[in-house]
Amino acid sequence: MYKNFFSRWCDQLWLYAVYFLGICMTCIMLWNWDTWAITQKLACMLAIVVPMHIFEENTFPAGFFYMNNIGFGSKEPMAYPQNRCTNMVTNLGAEIVLILVTFHVHKIEPSAMALVVFFGLGETLNHTRSGIMMYRKYKEKGKKTIYGPGLITSWCIMIPLGTVALKWLTGYGPTFLQVLGGIGIFLGIAVCLILLPFAVSMRVKSKEYAFRDKGYFEKYEK
């Protein structure tokens, strides 16, 4: 079906790896629950929620890439700018960054909490915007809500985590540079792991790493 190991890795194998990382981070957090500070727990929770978010986007109901590519104005939304390769780079890369933040949170507590806030806010705004766009596109075909893959984990888990992190920040009184550090990590993920891979994909327009089905949106295309 796929020509080489890397292509197979970009299909499903990396998903199993990131889900395994999520399980590992859950076990580590529970093991250290009594000794970890709230800041480390929140950073770890985000590293646990991201695999859940990835599951919603890519496994069930799946199809986030499709509405994302439509949002980027792609003429071939099954192939670019988000494809199986960029998808792997973005999501696995973000998970690794969050794991590193978790284990170094004591050095950058205010910045880490700002990251939790802005990560959840950014994801929620993006999924809400995309959901409204897809509702408008498919409302004549029976779509009744703004739901799109990733919306539930954004609103129901990331926003509550961000709220607790924001409460901690208001009590701590961080400096502007400390908050900027968290925003910088968030923007670093967005630029280096999303926009740059997307820019390359938009230029190449290769179908080698195209997706096979539209997931949640398949029913609206029949």
N, C-alpha and C. Protein backbone atom coordinates (compact mmCIF):
# COMPACT_ATOMS: atom_id res chain seq x y z
N MET A 1 0.84 -1.20 0.00
CA MET A 1 0.00 0.00 0.00
C MET A 1 0.87 1.25 0.00
N TYR A 2 1.85 1.33 0.94
CA TYR A 2 2.78 2.44 0.96
C TYR A 2 4.17 1.96 0.57
N LYS A 3 4.92 2.81 -0.09
CA LYS A 3 6.17 2.40 -0.72
C LYS A 3 7.28 2.09 0.27
N ASN A 4 7.36 2.79 1.37
CA ASN A 4 8.49 2.62 2.27
C ASN A 4 8.08 2.78 3.72
N PHE A 5 9.03 2.53 4.62
CA PHE A 5 8.72 2.58 6.04
C PHE A 5 8.30 3.98 6.48
N PHE A 6 8.96 5.01 5.95
CA PHE A 6 8.62 6.37 6.36
C PHE A 6 7.18 6.71 6.02
N SER A 7 6.73 6.25 4.87
CA SER A 7 5.35 6.49 4.47
C SER A 7 4.39 5.76 5.41
N ARG A 8 4.74 4.54 5.80
CA ARG A 8 3.92 3.80 6.76
C ARG A 8 3.95 4.47 8.12
N TRP A 9 5.13 4.98 8.51
CA TRP A 9 5.27 5.70 9.78
C TRP A 9 4.36 6.92 9.81
N CYS A 10 4.28 7.63 8.69
CA CYS A 10 3.47 8.84 8.61
C CYS A 10 1.97 8.53 8.52
N ASP A 11 1.63 7.26 8.33
CA ASP A 11 0.22 6.88 8.24
C ASP A 11 -0.36 6.64 9.64
N GLN A 12 -0.02 5.50 10.25
CA GLN A 12 -0.59 5.15 11.55
C GLN A 12 0.45 4.93 12.64
N LEU A 13 1.65 4.53 12.28
CA LEU A 13 2.64 4.14 13.29
C LEU A 13 2.96 5.28 14.26
N TRP A 14 3.10 6.50 13.73
CA TRP A 14 3.42 7.62 14.61
C TRP A 14 2.28 7.90 15.58
N LEU A 15 1.05 7.60 15.16
CA LEU A 15 -0.09 7.79 16.05
C LEU A 15 0.01 6.86 17.26
N TYR A 16 0.38 5.60 17.01
CA TYR A 16 0.55 4.67 18.13
C TYR A 16 1.64 5.17 19.07
N ALA A 17 2.70 5.74 18.49
CA ALA A 17 3.80 6.26 19.31
C ALA A 17 3.33 7.42 20.19
N VAL A 18 2.57 8.34 19.63
CA VAL A 18 2.15 9.51 20.40
C VAL A 18 1.10 9.12 21.44
N TYR A 19 0.26 8.14 21.14
CA TYR A 19 -0.71 7.66 22.13
C TYR A 19 0.03 6.98 23.28
N PHE A 20 1.09 6.24 22.95
CA PHE A 20 1.90 5.60 23.98
C PHE A 20 2.56 6.65 24.88
N LEU A 21 3.04 7.74 24.28
CA LEU A 21 3.63 8.82 25.06
C LEU A 21 2.58 9.43 26.01
N GLY A 22 1.36 9.55 25.54
CA GLY A 22 0.29 10.08 26.38
C GLY A 22 0.02 9.19 27.58
N ILE A 23 0.03 7.88 27.34
CA ILE A 23 -0.18 6.92 28.44
C ILE A 23 0.98 7.00 29.43
N CYS A 24 2.20 7.09 28.91
CA CYS A 24 3.39 7.19 29.77
C CYS A 24 3.32 8.43 30.63
N MET A 25 2.94 9.57 30.04
CA MET A 25 2.87 10.81 30.81
C MET A 25 1.77 10.74 31.87
N THR A 26 0.69 10.03 31.58
CA THR A 26 -0.37 9.84 32.57
C THR A 26 0.16 9.05 33.76
N CYS A 27 0.87 7.96 33.49
CA CYS A 27 1.43 7.13 34.56
C CYS A 27 2.45 7.91 35.39
N ILE A 28 3.29 8.69 34.71
CA ILE A 28 4.31 9.47 35.41
C ILE A 28 3.67 10.51 36.32
N MET A 29 2.63 11.17 35.82
CA MET A 29 1.97 12.19 36.63
C MET A 29 1.29 11.57 37.85
N LEU A 30 0.61 10.46 37.67
CA LEU A 30 -0.06 9.81 38.80
C LEU A 30 0.96 9.30 39.82
N TRP A 31 2.08 8.81 39.33
CA TRP A 31 3.14 8.31 40.22
C TRP A 31 3.69 9.44 41.09
N ASN A 32 3.79 10.64 40.51
CA ASN A 32 4.39 11.78 41.20
C ASN A 32 3.38 12.78 41.72
N TRP A 33 2.12 12.40 41.75
CA TRP A 33 1.04 13.33 42.09
C TRP A 33 1.26 14.05 43.43
N ASP A 34 1.73 13.31 44.42
CA ASP A 34 1.88 13.90 45.76
C ASP A 34 3.08 14.84 45.89
N THR A 35 4.01 14.74 44.96
CA THR A 35 5.22 15.56 45.07
C THR A 35 5.31 16.67 44.03
N TRP A 36 4.58 16.56 42.95
CA TRP A 36 4.64 17.58 41.91
C TRP A 36 3.84 18.81 42.30
N ALA A 37 4.36 19.97 41.93
CA ALA A 37 3.63 21.23 42.10
C ALA A 37 2.51 21.31 41.07
N ILE A 38 1.53 22.18 41.31
CA ILE A 38 0.40 22.33 40.39
C ILE A 38 0.86 22.72 38.98
N THR A 39 1.94 23.49 38.90
CA THR A 39 2.44 23.91 37.60
C THR A 39 2.93 22.72 36.77
N GLN A 40 3.62 21.79 37.42
CA GLN A 40 4.11 20.62 36.70
C GLN A 40 2.95 19.70 36.33
N LYS A 41 1.96 19.62 37.20
CA LYS A 41 0.78 18.81 36.88
C LYS A 41 0.05 19.38 35.67
N LEU A 42 -0.10 20.70 35.62
CA LEU A 42 -0.80 21.32 34.50
C LEU A 42 -0.04 21.14 33.19
N ALA A 43 1.28 21.30 33.24
CA ALA A 43 2.08 21.10 32.04
C ALA A 43 1.98 19.65 31.57
N CYS A 44 2.01 18.72 32.52
CA CYS A 44 1.89 17.30 32.17
C CYS A 44 0.51 16.98 31.63
N MET A 45 -0.52 17.59 32.23
CA MET A 45 -1.89 17.37 31.75
C MET A 45 -2.03 17.80 30.29
N LEU A 46 -1.38 18.91 29.94
CA LEU A 46 -1.43 19.35 28.54
C LEU A 46 -0.75 18.32 27.64
N ALA A 47 0.37 17.75 28.13
CA ALA A 47 1.06 16.72 27.35
C ALA A 47 0.24 15.44 27.25
N ILE A 48 -0.72 15.26 28.15
CA ILE A 48 -1.64 14.11 28.10
C ILE A 48 -2.82 14.43 27.19
N VAL A 49 -3.31 15.67 27.27
CA VAL A 49 -4.48 16.08 26.49
C VAL A 49 -4.16 16.12 24.99
N VAL A 50 -2.94 16.51 24.63
CA VAL A 50 -2.60 16.62 23.21
C VAL A 50 -2.77 15.28 22.48
N PRO A 51 -2.31 14.14 23.02
CA PRO A 51 -2.61 12.86 22.35
C PRO A 51 -4.11 12.59 22.24
N MET A 52 -4.89 12.99 23.26
CA MET A 52 -6.34 12.84 23.18
C MET A 52 -6.89 13.71 22.05
N HIS A 53 -6.37 14.92 21.94
CA HIS A 53 -6.75 15.84 20.88
C HIS A 53 -6.39 15.26 19.51
N ILE A 54 -5.20 14.68 19.42
CA ILE A 54 -4.75 14.05 18.18
C ILE A 54 -5.65 12.87 17.82
N PHE A 55 -6.08 12.11 18.84
CA PHE A 55 -6.99 10.99 18.60
C PHE A 55 -8.29 11.49 17.97
N GLU A 56 -8.83 12.58 18.51
CA GLU A 56 -10.08 13.13 17.96
C GLU A 56 -9.87 13.64 16.54
N GLU A 57 -8.72 14.24 16.29
CA GLU A 57 -8.45 14.80 14.96
C GLU A 57 -8.14 13.73 13.92
N ASN A 58 -7.48 12.64 14.33
CA ASN A 58 -6.91 11.71 13.35
C ASN A 58 -7.44 10.28 13.39
N THR A 59 -8.04 9.87 14.52
CA THR A 59 -8.49 8.49 14.63
C THR A 59 -10.01 8.39 14.71
N PHE A 60 -10.62 9.10 15.62
CA PHE A 60 -12.08 9.13 15.70
C PHE A 60 -12.54 10.48 16.21
N PRO A 61 -13.39 11.19 15.48
CA PRO A 61 -13.93 10.77 14.17
C PRO A 61 -12.98 11.01 13.01
N ALA A 62 -11.89 11.73 13.25
CA ALA A 62 -10.86 12.00 12.22
C ALA A 62 -11.36 12.98 11.17
N GLY A 63 -10.44 13.42 10.33
CA GLY A 63 -10.79 14.33 9.24
C GLY A 63 -10.46 15.78 9.48
N PHE A 64 -9.75 16.09 10.59
CA PHE A 64 -9.39 17.49 10.84
C PHE A 64 -8.60 18.08 9.70
N PHE A 65 -7.68 17.28 9.14
CA PHE A 65 -6.82 17.78 8.05
C PHE A 65 -7.66 18.35 6.91
N TYR A 66 -8.82 17.73 6.65
CA TYR A 66 -9.64 18.11 5.50
C TYR A 66 -10.17 19.53 5.67
N MET A 67 -10.75 19.81 6.85
CA MET A 67 -11.26 21.17 7.04
C MET A 67 -10.11 22.17 7.19
N ASN A 68 -8.99 21.72 7.72
CA ASN A 68 -7.84 22.60 7.84
C ASN A 68 -7.31 23.00 6.47
N ASN A 69 -7.20 22.03 5.56
CA ASN A 69 -6.72 22.32 4.22
C ASN A 69 -7.69 23.20 3.44
N ILE A 70 -8.98 22.98 3.65
CA ILE A 70 -9.97 23.85 3.02
C ILE A 70 -9.81 25.28 3.53
N GLY A 71 -9.55 25.39 4.84
CA GLY A 71 -9.34 26.70 5.44
C GLY A 71 -8.13 27.42 4.86
N PHE A 72 -7.12 26.64 4.43
CA PHE A 72 -5.93 27.22 3.82
C PHE A 72 -6.12 27.47 2.32
N GLY A 73 -7.31 27.20 1.81
CA GLY A 73 -7.61 27.45 0.41
C GLY A 73 -7.02 26.43 -0.55
N SER A 74 -6.76 25.22 -0.09
CA SER A 74 -6.18 24.19 -0.94
C SER A 74 -7.14 23.75 -2.03
N LYS A 75 -6.60 23.57 -3.23
CA LYS A 75 -7.39 23.05 -4.33
C LYS A 75 -7.46 21.53 -4.29
N GLU A 76 -6.58 20.91 -3.52
CA GLU A 76 -6.57 19.46 -3.33
C GLU A 76 -6.43 19.17 -1.83
N PRO A 77 -7.52 19.33 -1.08
CA PRO A 77 -7.45 19.23 0.38
C PRO A 77 -7.09 17.85 0.92
N MET A 78 -7.07 16.82 0.08
CA MET A 78 -6.62 15.51 0.53
C MET A 78 -5.09 15.42 0.52
N ALA A 79 -4.44 16.37 -0.13
CA ALA A 79 -3.00 16.24 -0.37
C ALA A 79 -2.13 17.32 0.28
N TYR A 80 -2.62 18.55 0.38
CA TYR A 80 -1.77 19.62 0.91
C TYR A 80 -2.63 20.80 1.37
N PRO A 81 -2.10 21.70 2.24
CA PRO A 81 -0.74 21.69 2.79
C PRO A 81 -0.54 20.66 3.90
N GLN A 82 -1.64 20.31 4.61
CA GLN A 82 -1.48 19.28 5.64
C GLN A 82 -1.59 17.91 4.98
N ASN A 83 -0.53 17.14 5.08
CA ASN A 83 -0.56 15.77 4.58
C ASN A 83 -0.10 14.85 5.69
N ARG A 84 0.05 13.57 5.40
CA ARG A 84 0.42 12.62 6.45
C ARG A 84 1.78 12.94 7.05
N CYS A 85 2.69 13.48 6.24
CA CYS A 85 4.03 13.82 6.72
C CYS A 85 4.00 15.05 7.62
N THR A 86 3.40 16.14 7.16
CA THR A 86 3.33 17.35 7.98
C THR A 86 2.51 17.09 9.24
N ASN A 87 1.51 16.25 9.12
CA ASN A 87 0.67 15.90 10.26
C ASN A 87 1.49 15.26 11.37
N MET A 88 2.37 14.35 10.97
CA MET A 88 3.25 13.68 11.92
C MET A 88 4.22 14.66 12.55
N VAL A 89 4.85 15.50 11.72
CA VAL A 89 5.82 16.47 12.21
C VAL A 89 5.17 17.42 13.22
N THR A 90 4.01 17.94 12.88
CA THR A 90 3.31 18.90 13.73
C THR A 90 2.94 18.30 15.08
N ASN A 91 2.25 17.19 15.04
CA ASN A 91 1.68 16.65 16.27
C ASN A 91 2.70 15.94 17.16
N LEU A 92 3.53 15.11 16.56
CA LEU A 92 4.56 14.43 17.35
C LEU A 92 5.56 15.46 17.88
N GLY A 93 5.90 16.43 17.04
CA GLY A 93 6.82 17.48 17.46
C GLY A 93 6.28 18.28 18.63
N ALA A 94 4.99 18.65 18.57
CA ALA A 94 4.37 19.41 19.65
C ALA A 94 4.35 18.60 20.94
N GLU A 95 4.07 17.32 20.84
CA GLU A 95 4.04 16.46 22.02
C GLU A 95 5.42 16.39 22.68
N ILE A 96 6.45 16.27 21.88
CA ILE A 96 7.81 16.22 22.42
C ILE A 96 8.17 17.52 23.13
N VAL A 97 7.78 18.65 22.53
CA VAL A 97 8.03 19.96 23.16
C VAL A 97 7.33 20.03 24.52
N LEU A 98 6.09 19.58 24.59
CA LEU A 98 5.33 19.66 25.83
C LEU A 98 5.89 18.72 26.90
N ILE A 99 6.41 17.58 26.48
CA ILE A 99 7.05 16.67 27.43
C ILE A 99 8.31 17.33 28.01
N LEU A 100 9.09 17.98 27.16
CA LEU A 100 10.29 18.68 27.62
C LEU A 100 9.93 19.80 28.59
N VAL A 101 8.86 20.54 28.28
CA VAL A 101 8.41 21.60 29.18
C VAL A 101 8.01 21.01 30.53
N THR A 102 7.32 19.87 30.51
CA THR A 102 6.88 19.24 31.75
C THR A 102 8.05 18.95 32.68
N PHE A 103 9.13 18.41 32.13
CA PHE A 103 10.25 18.00 32.97
C PHE A 103 11.22 19.15 33.30
N HIS A 104 10.98 20.32 32.72
CA HIS A 104 11.81 21.49 33.02
C HIS A 104 10.96 22.65 33.52
N VAL A 105 9.73 22.35 33.92
CA VAL A 105 8.79 23.41 34.27
C VAL A 105 9.26 24.23 35.47
N HIS A 106 10.02 23.62 36.38
CA HIS A 106 10.47 24.34 37.56
C HIS A 106 11.40 25.51 37.20
N LYS A 107 12.00 25.46 36.01
CA LYS A 107 12.90 26.53 35.57
C LYS A 107 12.15 27.68 34.89
N ILE A 108 10.95 27.37 34.38
CA ILE A 108 10.21 28.36 33.58
C ILE A 108 8.73 28.36 33.95
N GLU A 109 8.41 28.28 35.21
CA GLU A 109 7.01 28.14 35.64
C GLU A 109 6.06 29.16 35.01
N PRO A 110 6.31 30.46 35.11
CA PRO A 110 5.36 31.43 34.53
C PRO A 110 5.21 31.26 33.01
N SER A 111 6.32 31.02 32.33
CA SER A 111 6.27 30.84 30.87
C SER A 111 5.51 29.56 30.52
N ALA A 112 5.71 28.50 31.31
CA ALA A 112 5.01 27.24 31.05
C ALA A 112 3.52 27.41 31.24
N MET A 113 3.11 28.16 32.27
CA MET A 113 1.68 28.37 32.50
C MET A 113 1.08 29.27 31.42
N ALA A 114 1.84 30.25 30.96
CA ALA A 114 1.37 31.08 29.85
C ALA A 114 1.20 30.22 28.60
N LEU A 115 2.09 29.25 28.40
CA LEU A 115 1.97 28.33 27.27
C LEU A 115 0.68 27.52 27.37
N VAL A 116 0.36 27.02 28.57
CA VAL A 116 -0.88 26.25 28.75
C VAL A 116 -2.09 27.10 28.38
N VAL A 117 -2.06 28.36 28.80
CA VAL A 117 -3.17 29.27 28.50
C VAL A 117 -3.29 29.51 26.99
N PHE A 118 -2.20 29.92 26.36
CA PHE A 118 -2.26 30.31 24.95
C PHE A 118 -2.40 29.10 24.02
N PHE A 119 -1.86 27.96 24.42
CA PHE A 119 -2.02 26.75 23.61
C PHE A 119 -3.50 26.38 23.53
N GLY A 120 -4.15 26.32 24.69
CA GLY A 120 -5.57 25.98 24.71
C GLY A 120 -6.43 27.01 24.00
N LEU A 121 -6.11 28.29 24.21
CA LEU A 121 -6.88 29.36 23.56
C LEU A 121 -6.70 29.30 22.04
N GLY A 122 -5.46 29.12 21.60
CA GLY A 122 -5.19 29.06 20.17
C GLY A 122 -5.89 27.89 19.49
N GLU A 123 -5.80 26.72 20.11
CA GLU A 123 -6.46 25.54 19.55
C GLU A 123 -7.98 25.73 19.49
N THR A 124 -8.53 26.27 20.56
CA THR A 124 -9.99 26.44 20.63
C THR A 124 -10.49 27.44 19.58
N LEU A 125 -9.79 28.55 19.44
CA LEU A 125 -10.19 29.55 18.45
C LEU A 125 -10.10 28.98 17.04
N ASN A 126 -9.02 28.24 16.76
CA ASN A 126 -8.83 27.68 15.43
C ASN A 126 -9.92 26.65 15.10
N HIS A 127 -10.21 25.77 16.06
CA HIS A 127 -11.23 24.74 15.81
C HIS A 127 -12.62 25.33 15.73
N THR A 128 -12.89 26.37 16.51
CA THR A 128 -14.20 27.01 16.44
C THR A 128 -14.38 27.71 15.10
N ARG A 129 -13.35 28.44 14.68
CA ARG A 129 -13.40 29.11 13.38
C ARG A 129 -13.60 28.10 12.24
N SER A 130 -12.83 27.01 12.29
CA SER A 130 -12.94 25.99 11.24
C SER A 130 -14.31 25.31 11.28
N GLY A 131 -14.81 25.09 12.49
CA GLY A 131 -16.12 24.45 12.62
C GLY A 131 -17.23 25.29 12.03
N ILE A 132 -17.17 26.61 12.25
CA ILE A 132 -18.16 27.52 11.66
C ILE A 132 -18.06 27.50 10.14
N MET A 133 -16.83 27.48 9.63
CA MET A 133 -16.61 27.44 8.19
C MET A 133 -17.22 26.17 7.58
N MET A 134 -17.02 25.02 8.24
CA MET A 134 -17.54 23.76 7.69
C MET A 134 -19.05 23.67 7.86
N TYR A 135 -19.59 24.29 8.90
CA TYR A 135 -21.05 24.33 9.05
C TYR A 135 -21.67 25.09 7.88
N ARG A 136 -21.08 26.22 7.53
CA ARG A 136 -21.60 26.99 6.41
C ARG A 136 -21.48 26.23 5.10
N LYS A 137 -20.40 25.45 4.98
CA LYS A 137 -20.17 24.69 3.75
C LYS A 137 -21.17 23.55 3.59
N TYR A 138 -21.52 22.90 4.71
CA TYR A 138 -22.32 21.68 4.64
C TYR A 138 -23.73 21.79 5.22
N LYS A 139 -24.15 22.97 5.63
CA LYS A 139 -25.46 23.08 6.26
C LYS A 139 -26.59 22.66 5.32
N GLU A 140 -26.38 22.86 4.02
CA GLU A 140 -27.41 22.45 3.06
C GLU A 140 -27.40 20.95 2.82
N LYS A 141 -26.35 20.28 3.34
CA LYS A 141 -26.25 18.83 3.21
C LYS A 141 -26.57 18.13 4.53
N GLY A 142 -27.11 18.89 5.47
CA GLY A 142 -27.58 18.28 6.71
C GLY A 142 -26.74 18.54 7.95
N LYS A 143 -25.65 19.30 7.82
CA LYS A 143 -24.84 19.57 9.01
C LYS A 143 -25.58 20.56 9.90
N LYS A 144 -25.71 20.19 11.19
CA LYS A 144 -26.51 20.98 12.10
C LYS A 144 -25.70 21.68 13.18
N THR A 145 -24.43 21.38 13.31
CA THR A 145 -23.61 21.98 14.36
C THR A 145 -22.29 22.49 13.76
N ILE A 146 -21.53 23.20 14.60
CA ILE A 146 -20.21 23.68 14.16
C ILE A 146 -19.12 22.68 14.53
N TYR A 147 -19.52 21.48 14.93
CA TYR A 147 -18.51 20.51 15.35
C TYR A 147 -17.57 20.13 14.20
N GLY A 148 -16.28 20.04 14.55
CA GLY A 148 -15.27 19.49 13.66
C GLY A 148 -14.28 18.74 14.55
N PRO A 149 -13.59 17.74 14.04
CA PRO A 149 -12.67 16.94 14.85
C PRO A 149 -11.65 17.80 15.60
N GLY A 150 -11.64 17.68 16.91
CA GLY A 150 -10.74 18.45 17.75
C GLY A 150 -11.45 19.49 18.60
N LEU A 151 -12.70 19.77 18.28
CA LEU A 151 -13.44 20.82 18.99
C LEU A 151 -13.76 20.42 20.44
N ILE A 152 -14.13 19.17 20.65
CA ILE A 152 -14.52 18.72 21.99
C ILE A 152 -13.35 18.79 22.97
N THR A 153 -12.20 18.24 22.58
CA THR A 153 -11.05 18.27 23.48
C THR A 153 -10.54 19.69 23.69
N SER A 154 -10.73 20.56 22.70
CA SER A 154 -10.32 21.95 22.86
C SER A 154 -11.18 22.65 23.91
N TRP A 155 -12.49 22.62 23.72
CA TRP A 155 -13.40 23.33 24.61
C TRP A 155 -13.52 22.68 25.98
N CYS A 156 -13.60 21.36 26.00
CA CYS A 156 -13.92 20.67 27.26
C CYS A 156 -12.71 20.35 28.13
N ILE A 157 -11.50 20.35 27.57
CA ILE A 157 -10.33 20.01 28.38
C ILE A 157 -9.28 21.12 28.34
N MET A 158 -8.92 21.59 27.15
CA MET A 158 -7.85 22.59 27.07
C MET A 158 -8.25 23.92 27.69
N ILE A 159 -9.48 24.35 27.48
CA ILE A 159 -9.93 25.61 28.08
C ILE A 159 -9.97 25.53 29.61
N PRO A 160 -10.51 24.45 30.21
CA PRO A 160 -10.42 24.34 31.67
C PRO A 160 -8.99 24.32 32.20
N LEU A 161 -8.08 23.61 31.51
CA LEU A 161 -6.67 23.62 31.92
C LEU A 161 -6.10 25.03 31.85
N GLY A 162 -6.41 25.73 30.78
CA GLY A 162 -5.93 27.09 30.61
C GLY A 162 -6.48 28.02 31.68
N THR A 163 -7.72 27.76 32.11
CA THR A 163 -8.33 28.59 33.16
C THR A 163 -7.58 28.44 34.48
N VAL A 164 -7.23 27.19 34.83
CA VAL A 164 -6.48 26.96 36.07
C VAL A 164 -5.08 27.58 35.97
N ALA A 165 -4.46 27.45 34.79
CA ALA A 165 -3.14 28.05 34.60
C ALA A 165 -3.21 29.57 34.69
N LEU A 166 -4.28 30.15 34.16
CA LEU A 166 -4.46 31.60 34.22
C LEU A 166 -4.65 32.06 35.67
N LYS A 167 -5.39 31.28 36.46
CA LYS A 167 -5.57 31.60 37.87
C LYS A 167 -4.22 31.60 38.59
N TRP A 168 -3.38 30.61 38.27
CA TRP A 168 -2.05 30.55 38.89
C TRP A 168 -1.23 31.78 38.48
N LEU A 169 -1.30 32.15 37.23
CA LEU A 169 -0.54 33.30 36.74
C LEU A 169 -0.96 34.60 37.43
N THR A 170 -2.26 34.79 37.61
CA THR A 170 -2.73 36.02 38.24
C THR A 170 -2.28 36.09 39.70
N GLY A 171 -2.16 34.94 40.35
CA GLY A 171 -1.68 34.92 41.73
C GLY A 171 -0.18 35.09 41.82
N TYR A 172 0.53 34.63 40.80
CA TYR A 172 2.00 34.71 40.80
C TYR A 172 2.50 36.10 40.44
N GLY A 173 1.79 36.74 39.54
CA GLY A 173 2.21 38.07 39.08
C GLY A 173 3.45 38.01 38.20
N PRO A 174 3.38 37.35 37.04
CA PRO A 174 4.56 37.20 36.18
C PRO A 174 4.95 38.52 35.53
N THR A 175 6.20 38.59 35.12
CA THR A 175 6.65 39.75 34.36
C THR A 175 6.21 39.61 32.91
N PHE A 176 6.30 40.71 32.18
CA PHE A 176 5.94 40.69 30.76
C PHE A 176 6.81 39.70 29.99
N LEU A 177 8.09 39.67 30.31
CA LEU A 177 9.02 38.78 29.60
C LEU A 177 8.72 37.32 29.90
N GLN A 178 8.26 37.02 31.10
CA GLN A 178 7.92 35.64 31.43
C GLN A 178 6.70 35.17 30.64
N VAL A 179 5.70 36.03 30.54
CA VAL A 179 4.53 35.71 29.72
C VAL A 179 4.93 35.59 28.25
N LEU A 180 5.78 36.51 27.82
CA LEU A 180 6.26 36.50 26.44
C LEU A 180 6.99 35.20 26.13
N GLY A 181 7.68 34.65 27.14
CA GLY A 181 8.37 33.37 26.95
C GLY A 181 7.40 32.26 26.61
N GLY A 182 6.26 32.21 27.31
CA GLY A 182 5.24 31.21 27.01
C GLY A 182 4.63 31.40 25.63
N ILE A 183 4.37 32.67 25.29
CA ILE A 183 3.85 32.97 23.96
C ILE A 183 4.88 32.56 22.90
N GLY A 184 6.15 32.80 23.22
CA GLY A 184 7.22 32.44 22.28
C GLY A 184 7.28 30.94 22.00
N ILE A 185 7.10 30.13 23.05
CA ILE A 185 7.09 28.67 22.85
C ILE A 185 5.90 28.27 21.98
N PHE A 186 4.75 28.88 22.27
CA PHE A 186 3.54 28.59 21.48
C PHE A 186 3.73 28.98 20.01
N LEU A 187 4.29 30.18 19.79
CA LEU A 187 4.52 30.64 18.42
C LEU A 187 5.60 29.81 17.74
N GLY A 188 6.58 29.35 18.52
CA GLY A 188 7.62 28.49 17.97
C GLY A 188 7.03 27.19 17.43
N ILE A 189 6.10 26.60 18.19
CA ILE A 189 5.40 25.40 17.73
C ILE A 189 4.61 25.70 16.46
N ALA A 190 3.89 26.83 16.48
CA ALA A 190 3.03 27.18 15.35
C ALA A 190 3.85 27.43 14.08
N VAL A 191 4.96 28.15 14.22
CA VAL A 191 5.76 28.51 13.05
C VAL A 191 6.62 27.35 12.57
N CYS A 192 7.38 26.75 13.48
CA CYS A 192 8.36 25.72 13.09
C CYS A 192 7.71 24.38 12.78
N LEU A 193 6.62 24.05 13.47
CA LEU A 193 6.02 22.72 13.31
C LEU A 193 4.74 22.73 12.47
N ILE A 194 4.20 23.92 12.19
CA ILE A 194 2.98 23.98 11.37
C ILE A 194 3.21 24.81 10.10
N LEU A 195 3.50 26.08 10.26
CA LEU A 195 3.55 26.98 9.10
C LEU A 195 4.70 26.66 8.15
N LEU A 196 5.88 26.38 8.66
CA LEU A 196 7.00 26.05 7.78
C LEU A 196 6.78 24.75 7.01
N PRO A 197 6.40 23.64 7.69
CA PRO A 197 6.07 22.43 6.92
C PRO A 197 4.95 22.64 5.92
N PHE A 198 3.96 23.45 6.30
CA PHE A 198 2.86 23.75 5.38
C PHE A 198 3.35 24.52 4.17
N ALA A 199 4.26 25.46 4.39
CA ALA A 199 4.79 26.27 3.30
C ALA A 199 5.52 25.39 2.29
N VAL A 200 6.30 24.44 2.81
CA VAL A 200 7.00 23.51 1.92
C VAL A 200 6.00 22.66 1.16
N SER A 201 4.99 22.14 1.86
CA SER A 201 3.98 21.29 1.23
C SER A 201 3.19 22.05 0.17
N MET A 202 2.87 23.31 0.45
CA MET A 202 2.13 24.13 -0.52
C MET A 202 2.96 24.35 -1.79
N ARG A 203 4.26 24.43 -1.62
CA ARG A 203 5.13 24.66 -2.77
C ARG A 203 5.32 23.37 -3.59
N VAL A 204 5.49 22.27 -2.89
CA VAL A 204 5.74 20.99 -3.57
C VAL A 204 4.47 20.40 -4.17
N LYS A 205 3.36 20.48 -3.38
CA LYS A 205 2.07 19.93 -3.81
C LYS A 205 2.15 18.44 -4.16
N SER A 206 2.94 17.71 -3.42
CA SER A 206 3.09 16.27 -3.66
C SER A 206 1.87 15.51 -3.15
N LYS A 207 1.52 14.43 -3.86
CA LYS A 207 0.43 13.57 -3.43
C LYS A 207 0.93 12.29 -2.78
N GLU A 208 2.24 12.20 -2.60
CA GLU A 208 2.82 10.98 -2.04
C GLU A 208 2.31 10.71 -0.62
N TYR A 209 2.08 11.79 0.14
CA TYR A 209 1.62 11.63 1.51
C TYR A 209 0.18 12.08 1.69
N ALA A 210 -0.61 11.96 0.63
CA ALA A 210 -2.02 12.34 0.69
C ALA A 210 -2.79 11.41 1.62
N PHE A 211 -3.86 11.94 2.19
CA PHE A 211 -4.74 11.13 3.04
C PHE A 211 -5.65 10.27 2.18
N ARG A 212 -6.25 9.27 2.81
CA ARG A 212 -7.09 8.33 2.07
C ARG A 212 -8.58 8.62 2.18
N ASP A 213 -9.02 9.17 3.31
CA ASP A 213 -10.46 9.48 3.44
C ASP A 213 -10.63 10.74 4.28
N LYS A 214 -11.83 11.28 4.25
CA LYS A 214 -12.12 12.56 4.88
C LYS A 214 -12.62 12.41 6.32
N GLY A 215 -12.66 11.20 6.83
CA GLY A 215 -13.09 10.98 8.20
C GLY A 215 -14.50 11.48 8.46
N TYR A 216 -14.66 12.32 9.44
CA TYR A 216 -15.97 12.85 9.84
C TYR A 216 -16.72 13.50 8.69
N PHE A 217 -16.00 14.10 7.74
CA PHE A 217 -16.65 14.84 6.66
C PHE A 217 -17.01 13.97 5.46
N GLU A 218 -16.64 12.71 5.50
CA GLU A 218 -16.92 11.81 4.38
C GLU A 218 -18.42 11.75 4.08
N LYS A 219 -19.24 11.73 5.12
CA LYS A 219 -20.69 11.58 4.95
C LYS A 219 -21.31 12.79 4.25
N TYR A 220 -20.65 13.93 4.36
CA TYR A 220 -21.20 15.14 3.72
C TYR A 220 -20.76 15.28 2.27
N GLU A 221 -19.89 14.41 1.82
CA GLU A 221 -19.40 14.48 0.45
C GLU A 221 -20.07 13.47 -0.46
N LYS A 222 -20.99 12.67 0.09
CA LYS A 222 -21.65 11.64 -0.72
C LYS A 222 -22.79 12.24 -1.53
